[in-house]
C-alpha cells in the first residue's frame, strides 16, 4: 500500500470493493506526524442497509455449509492474513501509532483467533433433556442469529476485526464489521483478503464514523446481534438506539480503571515490573485492561514510587516503525487533548508528578500526538485520575494501610474489568479475589490474556464474555424441540 493523501481505499459490501454511497471520504492521519496517509469511504445508513441485505441473503447458505465448510474458510482467511502480515503491519503502524513490535503480536493473534474458533466449532451442540414424561423426547438446537454487527475500537483494529469476528462466523452468522474511524486503513486490506475467501455477503466491512455507520448498525432492525468494544458512553448510546427499534442481544466489552494491589509480602521486583507492564505503555496506555491504579501498602509505598519512576524512565518513546521503540504517539488529536487534560486535572487535584507529564523534547516530536509516559504519586480516591478511565499513558500510585481499605479503593469506581493481586500468601490472594468486583483477575501476574479463558467485565465495564467458548455460544439462539410420544 502506497501511503499518502491520494491513497483512496475501498470497503467491502456484498463481495464487492466499493466507495460509500454518498461519495464522501474520511482522511487517515499518521499520529506520529499528522500527515495524511490515506482516505477511506465515509459509509453511512445507505451502506449499512446494503450490507444488511447482502448479509441476510448470504446467511442461510453460509449456515448450510456446516461446521467443516465454515472452518475451512476461516482457516484460509487466517493463512492469507499471515501471508499479508507485512502489508497489514505497515498500514497499522502508520495509522494507529502503535509500535511495530507490539503490532506483530496482533497480526499473529488475528490468525490464531480464526484458527481457534475454526477448531472449536464442533462444540456448537444442543442438549437432550431427561423428562418426567418417559414417552417424550426433549432436545435443544443452536441456531445463528443471521446477521452480526461488530463495532471495532482504534487500539487493536486488525485483531478485533478478525479474531473477534471468528466466533460469529463459525456459528453460522454473516457479519458486518465497522472499523474505527481514526484507524481504518488495515480494514481495507482485510476487505481485499476477505473478498477472495468468503462467499459474497458473508463478510462485509463498512468504514465510516460512529455517528453514521455505527448508529445505522445499532438501529437496523435485521441486525439482532451486536458486539461492541469501546467506552461506556458509546455503549449506552448503542443500547438506546437499538432499544428504539427492536430488542437486540448486545455484548459490551468496555472500559476499565483497573487496580494492581501490592501486599507487604509481595515479590517487590516482580510487582514493580508488572506495574509498568500492566499499564500497557507499549500501547500508549490505550488498553481497557491496563492496571492504571497501583495500590501499594504503606510499608512499600516510597520504594514503589521510586522503582516505578525509574522503570518508566527506560521506556523508549519514538518512531513506531523503529524496532527499538517501545512507545509511540497516542491515536488522535482528540486522545492527545484528553490525556493532557487529565494531566492538568491531576496537578490541580494535588497529585505528585514523578515521571513524564508533557510532550517529549526534540524536533522529532514537534508534530504528532506525543505524550511522555506519565506517573503520579499520592493519588487519592476522590481525584479524577483515580475514578475515570484516561485511556492514555498515565499511571496513578495510591497507598493503603489495611486490606479492607485496599478492597474499598479497588471497588470504589464504576468499572470492574481487570485486577491484579500481588502476595505470596494464597489465603490472602483468594480472600482478595473473592471480594474484588472485576471480571478478569491475575494473581502474581498481569496483562496476559490466556487462550480460551473468558474475558469481560463487571459493572460499567460491560456485559458478556469474549475469547472462549462462551463467546461462540453467544452468537446462537437456543431452540427447544419437544417430540411427543417419541
Foldseek 3Di string as FASTA:
>chain_A
DAWAAVAEFFWAAQLDTHAAPVPDWAFAAQQLFRGTGYIYHAHFLVRVVRLLVLLLVCLVVLVVCALQSLLVLLLQLLVVLVVCVVVLLVQLCRRFFFFSVVLSVLSNLLSVLSNVLSVVLVVQDKDWDDDPPVLKTKIKHWAFLREEEEEEDRLRQSNCLGSVCNLLSSRRHAYEYETAQNRCPSNSVSRVSSSVRDRGSRYTYDYHHCVGHVLSLLQDPSNQHYEYEEALVVVVVSVVNNVVHHHHHYWYQHAAQEAEEEDPAFPVVLSLVQLQVQCPQSSQSQDRRRNQEYEYEPVCQVVSLVSNQVVLVPAAEASSHDPRHSHTAGGDPVLLVLLLVLLVQCVVVPWAWRHWNAFDDDPSRPGRSGGRQTETEPDDLVGPSLADRSSGRYHYYHYDHDPVVVQCSRAVYQWAFEYEYGHPDPVVVVVSVVSGQHDYYYYSHHDDDDAQDWGHTGGSSIDFTDRHPRSSSSSIDMDMDMGGSD
